[in-house]
Protein backbone atom coordinates (compact mmCIF):
# COMPACT_ATOMS: atom_id res chain seq x y z
CA MET A 1 42.19 -37.73 -133.36
CA LEU A 2 42.92 -37.51 -129.64
CA CYS A 3 43.40 -33.74 -129.85
CA ARG A 4 40.10 -33.42 -131.67
CA ALA A 5 38.33 -35.49 -128.98
CA GLY A 6 39.96 -33.45 -126.22
CA LEU A 7 38.91 -30.22 -127.89
CA GLY A 8 35.35 -31.50 -128.23
CA LEU A 9 35.27 -32.44 -124.55
CA LEU A 10 36.62 -29.02 -123.59
CA MET A 11 33.96 -27.29 -125.67
CA LEU A 12 31.28 -29.44 -124.02
CA VAL A 13 32.54 -28.47 -120.56
CA VAL A 14 32.60 -24.79 -121.54
CA LEU A 15 29.06 -24.97 -122.91
CA LEU A 16 27.85 -26.78 -119.80
CA ALA A 17 29.48 -24.21 -117.53
CA ALA A 18 27.95 -21.42 -119.59
CA ALA A 19 24.50 -23.01 -119.36
CA ILE A 20 24.83 -23.39 -115.59
CA GLY A 21 26.05 -19.82 -115.17
CA LEU A 22 23.34 -18.40 -117.42
CA ARG A 23 20.52 -20.19 -115.62
CA THR A 24 21.93 -19.28 -112.20
CA SER A 25 22.20 -15.60 -113.08
CA THR A 26 18.89 -15.28 -114.92
CA LEU A 27 16.56 -17.44 -112.80
CA PRO A 28 13.86 -14.94 -111.81
CA SER A 29 12.81 -14.37 -108.22
CA ARG A 30 9.39 -15.70 -107.27
CA GLN A 31 8.99 -13.19 -104.46
CA LEU A 32 6.07 -10.77 -104.57
CA SER A 33 7.03 -7.09 -104.49
CA PRO A 34 4.11 -5.17 -102.96
CA SER A 35 4.53 -1.71 -101.50
CA PRO A 36 5.65 -1.92 -97.86
CA VAL A 37 2.97 -1.34 -95.23
CA ALA A 38 3.77 0.29 -91.90
CA PRO A 39 2.61 -1.51 -88.75
CA VAL A 40 -0.51 -0.12 -87.10
CA PRO A 41 0.12 1.15 -83.55
CA HIS A 42 -0.77 -1.51 -80.99
CA ASP A 43 -0.19 -1.89 -77.25
CA VAL A 44 1.94 -5.01 -77.50
CA ASP A 45 2.91 -5.00 -73.83
CA ALA A 46 -0.78 -5.20 -72.89
CA ALA A 47 -1.25 -8.01 -75.42
CA ALA A 48 1.71 -9.83 -73.84
CA ARG A 49 0.09 -9.56 -70.42
CA ARG A 50 -3.10 -11.06 -71.85
CA LEU A 51 -1.10 -13.91 -73.39
CA GLY A 52 0.56 -14.49 -70.02
CA GLU A 53 -2.87 -14.67 -68.41
CA ALA A 54 -3.96 -17.25 -71.01
CA VAL A 55 -0.82 -19.34 -70.36
CA ARG A 56 -1.63 -19.51 -66.66
CA LEU A 57 -4.85 -21.34 -67.52
CA GLN A 58 -3.55 -24.92 -67.76
CA THR A 59 -5.52 -26.23 -70.74
CA VAL A 60 -3.42 -29.38 -70.92
CA SER A 61 -4.28 -32.33 -73.17
CA ILE A 62 -2.93 -35.52 -71.60
CA SER A 63 -4.66 -38.44 -73.31
CA ALA A 64 -7.86 -39.27 -75.15
CA ASP A 65 -8.97 -41.27 -72.10
CA ALA A 66 -8.58 -38.36 -69.68
CA ALA A 67 -11.28 -35.73 -69.26
CA PRO A 68 -10.17 -32.29 -70.48
CA ALA A 69 -9.32 -29.61 -67.95
CA ARG A 70 -12.83 -28.18 -68.36
CA ASP A 71 -12.53 -25.33 -65.85
CA ALA A 72 -9.31 -24.12 -67.45
CA PHE A 73 -10.90 -24.08 -70.91
CA LEU A 74 -13.99 -22.26 -69.66
CA GLY A 75 -11.66 -19.82 -67.91
CA LEU A 76 -9.94 -19.16 -71.24
CA HIS A 77 -13.32 -18.60 -72.92
CA ALA A 78 -14.21 -16.06 -70.23
CA LEU A 79 -10.84 -14.35 -70.66
CA LEU A 80 -11.45 -13.94 -74.40
CA ALA A 81 -14.92 -12.49 -73.84
CA ARG A 82 -13.62 -10.10 -71.19
CA HIS A 83 -10.60 -8.77 -73.07
CA TYR A 84 -12.04 -8.60 -76.60
CA PRO A 85 -15.47 -6.93 -76.38
CA ALA A 86 -15.46 -5.38 -79.86
CA ALA A 87 -14.53 -8.71 -81.45
CA HIS A 88 -17.32 -10.47 -79.54
CA ALA A 89 -19.82 -7.80 -80.55
CA ALA A 90 -18.88 -8.21 -84.23
CA MET A 91 -18.67 -12.03 -84.30
CA ARG A 92 -21.06 -14.83 -83.42
CA ARG A 93 -19.50 -17.33 -81.01
CA GLU A 94 -20.53 -20.98 -80.91
CA ALA A 95 -19.25 -23.78 -78.68
CA VAL A 96 -18.72 -27.10 -80.45
CA SER A 97 -18.36 -30.20 -78.27
CA GLU A 98 -18.68 -27.68 -75.43
CA LEU A 99 -15.02 -26.56 -75.43
CA THR A 100 -14.04 -25.83 -79.05
CA LEU A 101 -14.89 -22.30 -80.19
CA LEU A 102 -16.19 -21.30 -83.63
CA TYR A 103 -16.38 -17.56 -84.31
CA THR A 104 -18.09 -16.11 -87.40
CA TRP A 105 -17.69 -12.51 -88.56
CA PRO A 106 -20.28 -12.18 -91.34
CA GLY A 107 -19.14 -10.56 -94.57
CA SER A 108 -21.20 -8.20 -96.69
CA ASP A 109 -20.88 -10.33 -99.85
CA PRO A 110 -22.74 -13.66 -99.55
CA GLN A 111 -21.11 -14.85 -102.78
CA ALA A 112 -17.57 -14.50 -101.40
CA ARG A 113 -16.35 -17.72 -99.85
CA PRO A 114 -15.21 -17.35 -96.23
CA MET A 115 -11.64 -17.45 -94.96
CA VAL A 116 -10.83 -19.59 -91.92
CA LEU A 117 -8.12 -18.90 -89.35
CA MET A 118 -7.31 -21.68 -86.90
CA ALA A 119 -5.48 -22.03 -83.59
CA HIS A 120 -5.85 -24.39 -80.66
CA GLN A 121 -6.49 -23.78 -76.99
CA ASP A 122 -4.95 -26.94 -75.58
CA VAL A 123 -1.27 -27.41 -74.83
CA ALA A 124 1.08 -30.36 -74.49
CA PRO A 125 1.94 -31.50 -70.95
CA VAL A 126 5.27 -30.67 -69.37
CA ALA A 127 7.49 -33.75 -69.02
CA PRO A 128 7.36 -34.82 -65.34
CA GLY A 129 10.56 -34.05 -63.48
CA THR A 130 11.66 -31.27 -65.86
CA GLU A 131 9.77 -28.42 -64.20
CA SER A 132 12.87 -27.21 -62.36
CA ASP A 133 14.78 -26.98 -65.65
CA TRP A 134 12.64 -24.05 -66.77
CA THR A 135 14.00 -20.51 -66.45
CA ARG A 136 10.49 -19.45 -65.41
CA ALA A 137 7.80 -21.84 -64.15
CA PRO A 138 6.12 -23.72 -67.04
CA PHE A 139 2.70 -22.11 -66.52
CA SER A 140 3.84 -18.82 -65.04
CA GLY A 141 3.03 -16.68 -68.09
CA ASP A 142 5.80 -14.40 -66.84
CA LEU A 143 7.05 -11.44 -68.86
CA HIS A 144 10.80 -11.68 -68.42
CA GLU A 145 13.74 -10.38 -70.49
CA GLY A 146 11.49 -9.43 -73.41
CA PHE A 147 9.65 -12.77 -73.61
CA VAL A 148 6.37 -14.27 -72.49
CA TRP A 149 7.30 -17.58 -70.85
CA GLY A 150 5.33 -20.77 -70.49
CA ARG A 151 3.74 -23.76 -72.14
CA GLY A 152 1.56 -22.65 -75.03
CA THR A 153 3.24 -19.34 -75.82
CA TRP A 154 4.46 -20.78 -79.12
CA ASP A 155 2.12 -23.75 -79.46
CA ASP A 156 -0.45 -22.30 -79.87
CA LYS A 157 -1.88 -19.61 -77.60
CA GLY A 158 0.43 -17.02 -79.11
CA ASN A 159 -1.37 -17.37 -82.45
CA LEU A 160 -4.78 -17.53 -80.79
CA ILE A 161 -4.27 -14.35 -78.76
CA ALA A 162 -2.72 -12.59 -81.77
CA MET A 163 -5.79 -13.40 -83.87
CA MET A 164 -8.11 -12.03 -81.22
CA GLU A 165 -5.98 -8.90 -80.81
CA ALA A 166 -6.12 -8.36 -84.58
CA ILE A 167 -9.90 -8.85 -84.82
CA GLU A 168 -10.46 -6.60 -81.80
CA SER A 169 -8.38 -3.87 -83.42
CA LEU A 170 -10.22 -4.15 -86.74
CA ALA A 171 -13.69 -4.33 -85.21
CA ALA A 172 -13.01 -1.36 -82.93
CA SER A 173 -11.83 0.68 -85.93
CA GLY A 174 -15.11 0.09 -87.76
CA PHE A 175 -13.72 -2.37 -90.33
CA LYS A 176 -16.41 -4.53 -91.92
CA PRO A 177 -15.25 -7.50 -94.00
CA ARG A 178 -16.59 -8.20 -97.46
CA ARG A 179 -15.70 -11.88 -97.06
CA THR A 180 -16.90 -13.76 -93.99
CA VAL A 181 -14.09 -14.46 -91.52
CA MET A 182 -14.20 -17.59 -89.35
CA LEU A 183 -12.02 -18.46 -86.39
CA VAL A 184 -11.72 -22.07 -85.19
CA PHE A 185 -10.10 -22.65 -81.80
CA GLY A 186 -9.92 -26.40 -81.12
CA HIS A 187 -9.61 -27.86 -77.63
CA ASP A 188 -8.00 -31.24 -78.43
CA GLU A 189 -5.48 -30.65 -81.22
CA GLU A 190 -2.72 -32.29 -79.19
CA LEU A 191 -4.85 -35.47 -79.21
CA GLY A 192 -5.59 -35.35 -82.94
CA GLY A 193 -8.71 -33.16 -82.85
CA PRO A 194 -11.37 -35.93 -82.68
CA ARG A 195 -13.98 -33.82 -80.87
CA GLY A 196 -12.81 -30.34 -81.79
CA ALA A 197 -11.78 -29.60 -85.38
CA THR A 198 -13.38 -32.81 -86.64
CA GLU A 199 -16.79 -31.78 -85.29
CA VAL A 200 -16.38 -28.21 -86.57
CA ALA A 201 -15.72 -29.61 -90.06
CA ARG A 202 -18.89 -31.72 -89.86
CA LEU A 203 -20.90 -28.72 -88.70
CA LEU A 204 -19.61 -26.49 -91.50
CA GLN A 205 -20.22 -29.23 -94.07
CA SER A 206 -23.81 -29.59 -92.87
CA ARG A 207 -24.25 -25.85 -93.43
CA GLY A 208 -22.83 -26.05 -96.94
CA VAL A 209 -19.78 -23.91 -96.11
CA ARG A 210 -17.06 -23.89 -98.75
CA ALA A 211 -14.09 -21.78 -97.68
CA GLU A 212 -11.70 -19.87 -99.93
CA PHE A 213 -8.80 -21.05 -97.79
CA VAL A 214 -7.84 -22.22 -94.30
CA LEU A 215 -4.75 -21.11 -92.37
CA ASP A 216 -3.61 -23.03 -89.29
CA GLU A 217 -0.38 -23.32 -87.31
CA GLY A 218 2.54 -24.94 -89.08
CA LEU A 219 5.90 -23.93 -90.51
CA VAL A 220 7.56 -20.79 -89.17
CA VAL A 221 9.90 -17.92 -90.00
CA THR A 222 13.35 -19.50 -89.88
CA GLU A 223 16.44 -17.48 -89.05
CA GLY A 224 19.85 -19.07 -89.56
CA ILE A 225 18.35 -22.49 -90.21
CA LEU A 226 18.35 -22.75 -94.01
CA ALA A 227 21.89 -22.90 -95.38
CA GLY A 228 22.61 -20.28 -98.01
CA ILE A 229 19.70 -18.02 -96.98
CA PRO A 230 21.04 -15.03 -95.03
CA ARG A 231 17.58 -13.49 -94.64
CA PRO A 232 14.58 -14.72 -92.61
CA ALA A 233 12.67 -17.38 -94.56
CA ALA A 234 8.91 -17.70 -94.05
CA LEU A 235 7.88 -21.21 -95.07
CA ILE A 236 4.20 -21.78 -95.77
CA GLY A 237 3.11 -25.41 -95.48
CA LEU A 238 1.16 -26.56 -98.53
CA ALA A 239 0.51 -29.97 -97.03
CA GLU A 240 1.17 -32.14 -94.01
CA LYS A 241 2.34 -35.69 -93.70
CA GLY A 242 0.08 -38.57 -92.79
CA SER A 243 0.81 -41.07 -90.05
CA VAL A 244 0.49 -44.76 -89.40
CA THR A 245 1.98 -46.93 -86.68
CA LEU A 246 2.56 -50.56 -87.61
CA LYS A 247 2.84 -53.30 -85.03
CA LEU A 248 5.35 -56.05 -85.75
CA GLU A 249 4.70 -59.13 -83.63
CA ALA A 250 6.71 -62.34 -83.46
CA THR A 251 5.69 -65.48 -81.58
CA ALA A 252 7.60 -68.59 -80.53
CA PRO A 253 7.18 -71.34 -77.91
CA PRO A 254 8.09 -69.96 -74.47
CA GLY A 255 10.64 -71.84 -72.40
CA HIS A 256 13.71 -71.68 -70.21
CA SER A 257 16.54 -69.44 -71.34
CA SER A 258 19.06 -72.21 -70.70
CA MET A 259 17.73 -74.16 -73.72
CA PRO A 260 16.92 -71.59 -76.41
CA PRO A 261 15.63 -72.92 -79.74
CA ALA A 262 17.06 -71.81 -83.08
CA ARG A 263 14.25 -69.28 -83.47
CA THR A 264 13.07 -67.08 -80.62
CA ALA A 265 10.37 -64.41 -80.60
CA VAL A 266 12.86 -61.71 -79.60
CA GLY A 267 15.38 -62.80 -82.25
CA ALA A 268 12.75 -62.90 -85.00
CA LEU A 269 11.47 -59.47 -83.99
CA ALA A 270 14.99 -58.01 -83.84
CA ARG A 271 15.72 -59.26 -87.36
CA ALA A 272 12.44 -57.80 -88.64
CA VAL A 273 13.05 -54.38 -87.11
CA THR A 274 16.62 -54.34 -88.43
CA ARG A 275 15.42 -55.16 -91.94
CA VAL A 276 12.77 -52.43 -91.87
CA ASP A 277 15.21 -49.89 -90.43
CA GLY A 278 17.75 -50.73 -93.12
CA ARG A 279 15.25 -50.43 -95.97
CA PRO A 280 13.66 -46.97 -95.75
CA MET A 281 10.99 -45.78 -98.14
CA PRO A 282 12.58 -44.21 -101.24
CA ALA A 283 13.55 -40.54 -101.27
CA SER A 284 12.94 -38.21 -104.19
CA LEU A 285 12.79 -34.55 -105.13
CA ASN A 286 9.01 -34.75 -105.11
CA PRO A 287 6.99 -31.90 -106.68
CA LEU A 288 6.51 -30.04 -103.38
CA ALA A 289 10.19 -30.28 -102.43
CA ARG A 290 11.22 -29.21 -105.92
CA GLU A 291 8.90 -26.16 -105.81
CA MET A 292 10.32 -25.16 -102.44
CA LEU A 293 13.94 -25.47 -103.63
CA GLU A 294 13.30 -23.63 -106.88
CA THR A 295 11.57 -20.80 -104.99
CA LEU A 296 14.50 -20.49 -102.59
CA ALA A 297 17.21 -20.78 -105.27
CA PRO A 298 17.22 -17.17 -106.58
CA GLU A 299 17.43 -15.87 -102.98
CA MET A 300 20.45 -17.98 -102.03
CA GLU A 301 24.14 -17.23 -102.01
CA GLY A 302 27.22 -19.14 -103.16
CA PHE A 303 27.24 -22.74 -104.34
CA ALA A 304 23.76 -23.38 -102.88
CA ARG A 305 22.31 -20.96 -105.44
CA VAL A 306 24.16 -22.66 -108.28
CA ALA A 307 23.07 -26.15 -107.19
CA LEU A 308 19.40 -25.33 -106.62
CA SER A 309 19.14 -23.25 -109.79
CA ASN A 310 20.22 -26.23 -111.88
CA LEU A 311 18.34 -29.21 -110.50
CA TRP A 312 18.14 -30.56 -114.06
CA LEU A 313 21.83 -31.37 -113.61
CA THR A 314 22.50 -31.30 -109.86
CA GLY A 315 19.32 -33.09 -108.73
CA PRO A 316 21.04 -36.36 -107.66
CA LEU A 317 23.75 -34.43 -105.76
CA VAL A 318 21.18 -32.20 -104.02
CA LEU A 319 19.05 -35.21 -103.15
CA ARG A 320 22.01 -37.02 -101.59
CA GLN A 321 22.99 -33.90 -99.63
CA LEU A 322 19.47 -33.30 -98.30
CA GLN A 323 19.17 -36.88 -97.09
CA GLY A 324 21.98 -36.13 -94.64
CA GLY A 325 19.83 -33.83 -92.50
CA THR A 326 16.98 -35.11 -90.34
CA GLY A 327 14.57 -32.30 -91.28
CA THR A 328 15.43 -32.19 -94.97
CA ASN A 329 15.44 -36.00 -95.23
CA ALA A 330 11.90 -36.06 -93.81
CA MET A 331 10.82 -33.68 -96.57
CA LEU A 332 11.90 -36.19 -99.22
CA ARG A 333 10.43 -39.49 -98.07
CA THR A 334 8.03 -41.35 -95.84
CA THR A 335 10.08 -41.78 -92.68
CA THR A 336 10.48 -44.83 -90.44
CA ALA A 337 10.81 -44.48 -86.66
CA PRO A 338 10.98 -47.51 -84.32
CA VAL A 339 9.33 -46.17 -81.16
CA VAL A 340 8.40 -49.11 -78.88
CA LEU A 341 9.96 -52.52 -78.22
CA SER A 342 8.30 -54.93 -75.79
CA ALA A 343 9.18 -58.52 -74.86
CA GLY A 344 9.82 -60.62 -71.80
CA GLU A 345 9.67 -59.99 -68.07
CA LYS A 346 12.30 -62.29 -66.57
CA GLU A 347 15.89 -62.97 -67.47
CA ASN A 348 15.61 -66.77 -67.46
CA VAL A 349 12.32 -67.06 -69.36
CA LEU A 350 12.03 -67.03 -73.14
CA PRO A 351 8.99 -64.88 -73.98
CA GLY A 352 6.37 -66.34 -76.25
CA ARG A 353 5.60 -62.96 -77.80
CA ALA A 354 7.60 -59.90 -78.75
CA HIS A 355 6.33 -56.81 -80.49
CA ALA A 356 7.56 -53.49 -81.82
CA LEU A 357 5.75 -50.33 -82.85
CA LEU A 358 7.11 -48.41 -85.81
CA ASN A 359 5.74 -44.98 -86.70
CA PHE A 360 5.72 -43.85 -90.33
CA ARG A 361 5.12 -40.24 -91.35
CA ILE A 362 3.65 -40.48 -94.82
CA LEU A 363 4.74 -38.22 -97.66
CA PRO A 364 1.99 -36.82 -99.91
CA GLY A 365 1.83 -39.23 -102.83
CA ASP A 366 2.43 -42.29 -100.65
CA THR A 367 -0.40 -44.16 -98.93
CA ILE A 368 -0.85 -46.27 -95.82
CA ASP A 369 -1.40 -49.35 -98.00
CA ALA A 370 1.84 -48.70 -99.88
CA VAL A 371 3.75 -48.33 -96.60
CA GLN A 372 2.36 -51.62 -95.30
CA ARG A 373 3.26 -53.43 -98.52
CA HIS A 374 6.79 -52.02 -98.32
CA ILE A 375 7.19 -53.19 -94.72
CA LEU A 376 5.87 -56.68 -95.45
CA ALA A 377 8.42 -56.98 -98.26
CA ALA A 378 11.21 -55.68 -96.03
CA VAL A 379 10.38 -58.04 -93.14
CA ASP A 380 10.14 -61.00 -95.52
CA ASP A 381 9.10 -63.34 -92.72
CA PRO A 382 5.59 -64.83 -92.75
CA THR A 383 5.90 -65.67 -89.06
CA VAL A 384 6.09 -61.96 -88.15
CA GLU A 385 2.66 -60.39 -88.18
CA VAL A 386 2.33 -56.78 -89.40
CA THR A 387 -0.83 -54.90 -88.40
CA ARG A 388 -1.98 -51.30 -88.09
CA HIS A 389 -1.95 -49.91 -84.59
CA GLU A 390 -4.60 -47.47 -83.34
CA GLU A 391 -5.11 -44.11 -85.11
CA HIS A 392 -3.82 -43.58 -88.62
CA PHE A 393 -4.49 -41.03 -91.36
CA GLU A 394 -3.32 -40.38 -94.90
CA ALA A 395 -1.20 -37.45 -95.98
CA SER A 396 -3.12 -34.31 -96.81
CA ARG A 397 -3.72 -32.86 -100.22
CA VAL A 398 -1.11 -30.43 -101.56
CA SER A 399 -2.48 -26.88 -101.84
CA ARG A 400 -1.40 -24.55 -104.60
CA THR A 401 0.87 -21.52 -104.48
CA ASP A 402 -1.03 -19.72 -107.26
CA ALA A 403 -4.32 -19.81 -105.29
CA PRO A 404 -5.70 -16.61 -103.71
CA GLY A 405 -5.10 -17.84 -100.14
CA TYR A 406 -1.38 -18.45 -100.60
CA GLN A 407 -1.01 -15.21 -102.52
CA ALA A 408 -2.72 -13.27 -99.70
CA ILE A 409 -0.44 -14.84 -97.08
CA ALA A 410 2.70 -14.21 -99.15
CA ARG A 411 1.65 -10.65 -99.97
CA THR A 412 0.95 -9.90 -96.31
CA LEU A 413 4.37 -11.17 -95.25
CA ARG A 414 6.19 -9.20 -97.91
CA GLU A 415 4.22 -6.02 -97.18
CA LEU A 416 5.15 -6.13 -93.52
CA HIS A 417 8.63 -7.65 -93.96
CA PRO A 418 10.18 -6.87 -97.37
CA ASP A 419 13.35 -8.67 -96.26
CA PHE A 420 11.54 -12.00 -95.82
CA VAL A 421 11.98 -14.82 -98.32
CA VAL A 422 8.61 -16.53 -98.71
CA ALA A 423 8.51 -20.12 -99.96
CA PRO A 424 6.27 -23.19 -99.85
CA GLY A 425 7.12 -26.16 -97.66
CA LEU A 426 5.87 -29.39 -96.13
CA MET A 427 4.58 -29.65 -92.55
CA LEU A 428 6.14 -32.77 -91.03
CA GLY A 429 3.82 -33.04 -88.02
CA ALA A 430 0.03 -33.18 -87.78
CA THR A 431 -2.31 -30.24 -87.25
CA ASP A 432 -6.04 -29.64 -86.91
CA ALA A 433 -5.95 -28.20 -90.43
CA ARG A 434 -6.27 -31.60 -92.07
CA HIS A 435 -9.80 -31.98 -90.69
CA LEU A 436 -10.99 -28.92 -92.61
CA GLU A 437 -9.95 -30.24 -96.02
CA SER A 438 -13.59 -31.27 -96.39
CA VAL A 439 -14.65 -27.59 -96.46
CA ALA A 440 -11.74 -25.97 -98.31
CA GLU A 441 -9.68 -26.92 -101.36
CA HIS A 442 -6.68 -24.92 -100.15
CA VAL A 443 -5.38 -25.42 -96.61
CA TYR A 444 -2.15 -23.77 -95.45
CA ARG A 445 -0.02 -24.28 -92.35
CA PHE A 446 2.06 -21.35 -91.18
CA SER A 447 2.81 -19.50 -87.94
CA PRO A 448 4.60 -16.12 -88.17
CA VAL A 449 6.79 -17.15 -85.23
CA ARG A 450 10.50 -16.46 -85.61
CA ALA A 451 12.69 -19.47 -84.86
CA ARG A 452 16.45 -19.81 -84.67
CA PRO A 453 18.23 -23.20 -84.40
CA GLU A 454 18.40 -22.96 -80.61
CA ASP A 455 14.64 -22.35 -80.41
CA LEU A 456 13.55 -25.62 -82.03
CA ALA A 457 14.05 -27.66 -78.83
CA ARG A 458 11.57 -25.38 -77.03
CA PHE A 459 8.68 -26.72 -79.12
CA HIS A 460 6.93 -29.19 -76.75
CA GLY A 461 10.12 -28.91 -74.70
CA THR A 462 11.65 -26.91 -71.88
CA ASN A 463 11.60 -23.10 -71.75
CA GLU A 464 8.90 -22.53 -74.34
CA ARG A 465 8.60 -18.80 -74.87
CA LEU A 466 7.58 -16.12 -77.37
CA SER A 467 9.25 -12.74 -77.64
CA ILE A 468 7.01 -9.76 -77.02
CA ALA A 469 8.32 -8.15 -80.22
CA ASN A 470 7.40 -11.28 -82.17
CA LEU A 471 3.93 -11.28 -80.61
CA GLY A 472 3.53 -7.79 -82.04
CA GLU A 473 4.49 -9.17 -85.47
CA LEU A 474 1.89 -11.92 -85.14
CA ILE A 475 -0.81 -9.36 -84.40
CA GLN A 476 0.20 -7.20 -87.36
CA PHE A 477 0.27 -10.25 -89.64
CA TYR A 478 -3.24 -11.46 -88.83
CA ARG A 479 -4.65 -7.93 -88.93
CA ARG A 480 -3.18 -7.26 -92.36
CA LEU A 481 -4.10 -10.73 -93.66
CA VAL A 482 -7.76 -10.17 -92.84
CA ILE A 483 -7.64 -6.83 -94.67
CA ASN A 484 -5.94 -8.39 -97.70
CA ALA A 485 -8.01 -11.57 -97.87
CA ALA A 486 -11.41 -10.45 -96.59
CA GLY A 487 -11.40 -6.92 -97.98
CA ALA A 488 -13.21 -3.95 -96.56
CA ASP A 489 -16.89 -3.30 -97.10
CA PRO A 490 -16.97 -0.25 -99.40
């Protein structure tokens, strides 16, 4: 009897191993295989000098209460008009809220829905006191060691200049789009886009515009970041997380610190924050994460390929593994981040109030209401008040990979870079793109910027830079994307 049971178990193991091996070896690639396209000759060094000139215009967004650096923005507008005459002759330029730019290149087919490319003019400030840490001055726009240096080269003037270089090249060559092409260059993306992209969306809605797709900044071309992927991986964001900051506030009678009561405001707040921090929102292999992993699986090597090819069996193991990384964990759940604690002013006085701000980045499928209910249950203290703090917005819709916009982006990448692995992903931060969901069903978030692990700290950090070679790739990408998505007028 025991031998028979052992034999049965052995057969089960063999069958399971065979099933795993068969699925791993036969899982088809989801990569498109178009014919490679050679880059069009372009003076990339001249484009780099123009990007450097744009960087020197300090279009910094500091706060919603501060007036924008108007002269710097107008200087950037003049730079674009001066350097891209063919593009300006082909497109109509409108100023929205004075400083945001909306360009329209009319297509020959009024029935074809327009495509929208987005970038933003404003840049994040440089942290005070860190200026001397930069290899080149933060707003120098220097060309040094094969890079353009300065705030905005990556986020997001590199994309903006590349788009204009691409349109200039196409317009000068006589290209005429069948589909209308729109460019939206916001001036307050770093502040959430309240007067830029938001107003553009309202304007386009009022005109009855319904776009085929929107492409804004977002995920990048990773190199050496995704374990098991030896090739560059271009991740196209199908969605972006929402955001809400909740304020936890505890009150208690103030008094002298020499006679503390059993319950203090600081103690109650500390317990509440600890409970919330120890009870995160649940993680799961949500549909977007699963689609990303299953797209990457056939392109992987070693055990990673086996594990991701067989999520029907390895799902719990993969989920546990992914929760160990900060970036991958954020892809799986609504995250919790305590960001501000405030209480008391003097060491011998018990404060009557103490509050904390906790920021939650909301996974598509979750809602602000669900987050607040979860936090109230975690705090489990009716004396601690939980309220929403300032701006908040829900997670975006999830766009589709089988839609024409995604297919055009993926095809363009694979035409220019056959070695790239192209896969969907989730944008963890916020972009202007979410404001244009009202005029397009499919909104994508992707920048063809190459990023290695050591580059990630440059984003909003010190020594932001973009390689001149990569700038050339950006120009080629946007040029080819317009050809693929807008089509030529026959």
